[in-house]
Amino acid sequence: LLRSRSKRPLNQVRYLDLSSTNIVTLNQLELCPKLTTLIANHNHLESVPNLDCCPELWKLDLSHNK
């Protein structure tokens, strides 16, 4: 899903909006080390592992998940 939503190489992605995509897991964040904003609201997420792989992340929206 990450690859299909991005128009640039994942290691250069800074903003990622996965809202309302019905995802249940969010993996491969380690491929996005420059990510500053992650919007993943209105999904079916129970947890989001590997956030420590995104040291530049400062905005995170996980509202309306499980």
N, C-alpha and C. Protein backbone atom coordinates (compact mmCIF):
# COMPACT_ATOMS: atom_id res chain seq x y z
N LEU A 1 0.83 -1.20 0.00
CA LEU A 1 0.00 0.00 0.00
C LEU A 1 0.87 1.25 0.00
N LEU A 2 1.94 1.24 0.78
CA LEU A 2 2.81 2.42 0.82
C LEU A 2 3.37 2.72 -0.56
N ARG A 3 3.83 1.70 -1.23
CA ARG A 3 4.42 1.91 -2.56
C ARG A 3 3.38 2.42 -3.56
N SER A 4 2.17 1.93 -3.48
CA SER A 4 1.15 2.34 -4.44
C SER A 4 0.64 3.76 -4.19
N ARG A 5 0.75 4.26 -2.95
CA ARG A 5 0.26 5.60 -2.63
C ARG A 5 1.30 6.69 -2.83
N SER A 6 2.54 6.30 -3.02
CA SER A 6 3.61 7.29 -3.10
C SER A 6 4.09 7.48 -4.53
N LYS A 7 4.35 8.73 -4.87
CA LYS A 7 4.86 9.05 -6.20
C LYS A 7 6.36 9.24 -6.21
N ARG A 8 6.98 9.15 -5.04
CA ARG A 8 8.43 9.30 -4.94
C ARG A 8 8.99 8.09 -4.20
N PRO A 9 10.28 7.91 -4.24
CA PRO A 9 10.87 6.80 -3.49
C PRO A 9 10.50 6.90 -2.01
N LEU A 10 10.20 5.78 -1.40
CA LEU A 10 9.74 5.79 -0.02
C LEU A 10 10.72 6.43 0.94
N ASN A 11 12.01 6.32 0.66
CA ASN A 11 12.99 6.91 1.57
C ASN A 11 13.02 8.44 1.49
N GLN A 12 12.22 9.02 0.60
CA GLN A 12 12.13 10.48 0.49
C GLN A 12 10.75 11.02 0.89
N VAL A 13 9.83 10.14 1.19
CA VAL A 13 8.46 10.55 1.54
C VAL A 13 8.46 11.27 2.89
N ARG A 14 7.83 12.45 2.93
CA ARG A 14 7.71 13.23 4.16
C ARG A 14 6.27 13.28 4.66
N TYR A 15 5.31 13.21 3.77
CA TYR A 15 3.89 13.31 4.12
C TYR A 15 3.17 12.08 3.57
N LEU A 16 2.42 11.42 4.42
CA LEU A 16 1.71 10.22 3.99
C LEU A 16 0.30 10.25 4.57
N ASP A 17 -0.70 10.23 3.69
CA ASP A 17 -2.09 10.24 4.11
C ASP A 17 -2.73 8.91 3.71
N LEU A 18 -3.01 8.10 4.71
CA LEU A 18 -3.64 6.79 4.49
C LEU A 18 -5.03 6.76 5.13
N SER A 19 -5.63 7.91 5.30
CA SER A 19 -6.94 7.98 5.96
C SER A 19 -8.02 7.28 5.13
N SER A 20 -8.91 6.62 5.84
CA SER A 20 -10.08 5.95 5.24
C SER A 20 -9.70 4.97 4.14
N THR A 21 -8.65 4.20 4.37
CA THR A 21 -8.24 3.20 3.38
C THR A 21 -8.52 1.78 3.87
N ASN A 22 -9.18 1.66 5.02
CA ASN A 22 -9.56 0.36 5.59
C ASN A 22 -8.37 -0.53 5.93
N ILE A 23 -7.23 0.06 6.22
CA ILE A 23 -6.06 -0.74 6.56
C ILE A 23 -6.19 -1.28 7.99
N VAL A 24 -5.63 -2.47 8.20
CA VAL A 24 -5.64 -3.08 9.52
C VAL A 24 -4.24 -3.14 10.12
N THR A 25 -3.24 -3.01 9.29
CA THR A 25 -1.85 -2.96 9.76
C THR A 25 -1.11 -1.87 9.01
N LEU A 26 -0.11 -1.37 9.65
CA LEU A 26 0.73 -0.36 9.04
C LEU A 26 2.17 -0.79 9.27
N ASN A 27 2.74 -1.38 8.24
CA ASN A 27 4.11 -1.84 8.37
C ASN A 27 4.97 -1.19 7.30
N GLN A 28 6.22 -1.48 7.33
CA GLN A 28 7.21 -0.93 6.40
C GLN A 28 7.48 0.55 6.62
N LEU A 29 7.16 1.06 7.79
CA LEU A 29 7.49 2.46 8.08
C LEU A 29 8.99 2.69 8.07
N GLU A 30 9.75 1.64 8.32
CA GLU A 30 11.21 1.78 8.28
C GLU A 30 11.71 2.19 6.90
N LEU A 31 10.87 2.05 5.88
CA LEU A 31 11.23 2.47 4.53
C LEU A 31 11.03 3.97 4.34
N CYS A 32 10.47 4.64 5.33
CA CYS A 32 10.17 6.08 5.24
C CYS A 32 10.86 6.85 6.37
N PRO A 33 12.16 6.86 6.42
CA PRO A 33 12.86 7.50 7.54
C PRO A 33 12.71 9.01 7.60
N LYS A 34 12.30 9.65 6.52
CA LYS A 34 12.15 11.11 6.49
C LYS A 34 10.72 11.56 6.73
N LEU A 35 9.85 10.63 7.05
CA LEU A 35 8.44 10.93 7.26
C LEU A 35 8.27 11.92 8.41
N THR A 36 7.56 13.02 8.13
CA THR A 36 7.28 14.01 9.17
C THR A 36 5.80 14.01 9.57
N THR A 37 4.93 13.60 8.64
CA THR A 37 3.50 13.61 8.89
C THR A 37 2.88 12.30 8.44
N LEU A 38 2.15 11.67 9.34
CA LEU A 38 1.45 10.43 9.03
C LEU A 38 -0.01 10.58 9.45
N ILE A 39 -0.89 10.52 8.47
CA ILE A 39 -2.33 10.61 8.72
C ILE A 39 -2.91 9.23 8.38
N ALA A 40 -3.42 8.56 9.38
CA ALA A 40 -3.97 7.22 9.16
C ALA A 40 -5.27 7.06 9.95
N ASN A 41 -6.07 8.10 9.95
CA ASN A 41 -7.32 8.07 10.70
C ASN A 41 -8.41 7.31 9.93
N HIS A 42 -9.46 6.93 10.65
CA HIS A 42 -10.61 6.23 10.07
C HIS A 42 -10.20 4.94 9.37
N ASN A 43 -9.50 4.10 10.10
CA ASN A 43 -9.09 2.78 9.60
C ASN A 43 -9.43 1.74 10.66
N HIS A 44 -8.74 0.62 10.61
CA HIS A 44 -8.98 -0.48 11.55
C HIS A 44 -7.69 -0.85 12.27
N LEU A 45 -6.85 0.12 12.54
CA LEU A 45 -5.57 -0.12 13.19
C LEU A 45 -5.75 -0.36 14.68
N GLU A 46 -5.02 -1.34 15.20
CA GLU A 46 -5.00 -1.58 16.64
C GLU A 46 -3.69 -1.12 17.24
N SER A 47 -2.63 -1.15 16.45
CA SER A 47 -1.33 -0.66 16.90
C SER A 47 -0.51 -0.26 15.68
N VAL A 48 0.50 0.55 15.93
CA VAL A 48 1.40 0.98 14.86
C VAL A 48 2.82 0.78 15.36
N PRO A 49 3.42 -0.35 15.01
CA PRO A 49 4.79 -0.61 15.44
C PRO A 49 5.80 0.17 14.60
N ASN A 50 6.99 0.24 15.08
CA ASN A 50 8.12 0.82 14.35
C ASN A 50 8.07 2.32 14.16
N LEU A 51 7.34 3.04 14.97
CA LEU A 51 7.34 4.50 14.84
C LEU A 51 8.72 5.08 15.14
N ASP A 52 9.52 4.35 15.89
CA ASP A 52 10.87 4.82 16.18
C ASP A 52 11.76 4.82 14.95
N CYS A 53 11.30 4.21 13.87
CA CYS A 53 12.04 4.22 12.61
C CYS A 53 11.85 5.53 11.85
N CYS A 54 11.00 6.39 12.38
CA CYS A 54 10.70 7.68 11.74
C CYS A 54 11.08 8.80 12.71
N PRO A 55 12.35 9.07 12.87
CA PRO A 55 12.79 10.05 13.86
C PRO A 55 12.33 11.48 13.59
N GLU A 56 11.95 11.78 12.36
CA GLU A 56 11.50 13.14 12.02
C GLU A 56 9.99 13.31 12.13
N LEU A 57 9.27 12.25 12.50
CA LEU A 57 7.82 12.30 12.62
C LEU A 57 7.40 13.26 13.73
N TRP A 58 6.60 14.25 13.40
CA TRP A 58 6.13 15.19 14.42
C TRP A 58 4.62 15.36 14.39
N LYS A 59 3.94 14.93 13.32
CA LYS A 59 2.48 14.99 13.28
C LYS A 59 1.96 13.58 12.99
N LEU A 60 1.10 13.11 13.88
CA LEU A 60 0.56 11.76 13.78
C LEU A 60 -0.93 11.81 14.11
N ASP A 61 -1.76 11.36 13.18
CA ASP A 61 -3.20 11.30 13.41
C ASP A 61 -3.66 9.86 13.23
N LEU A 62 -4.00 9.22 14.34
CA LEU A 62 -4.51 7.86 14.34
C LEU A 62 -5.93 7.81 14.89
N SER A 63 -6.62 8.91 14.84
CA SER A 63 -7.96 8.97 15.41
C SER A 63 -8.93 8.07 14.64
N HIS A 64 -9.94 7.62 15.36
CA HIS A 64 -11.00 6.79 14.79
C HIS A 64 -10.47 5.48 14.21
N ASN A 65 -9.67 4.80 15.01
CA ASN A 65 -9.22 3.45 14.72
C ASN A 65 -9.73 2.56 15.84
N LYS A 66 -9.33 1.31 15.86
CA LYS A 66 -9.78 0.38 16.91
C LYS A 66 -9.17 0.69 18.24
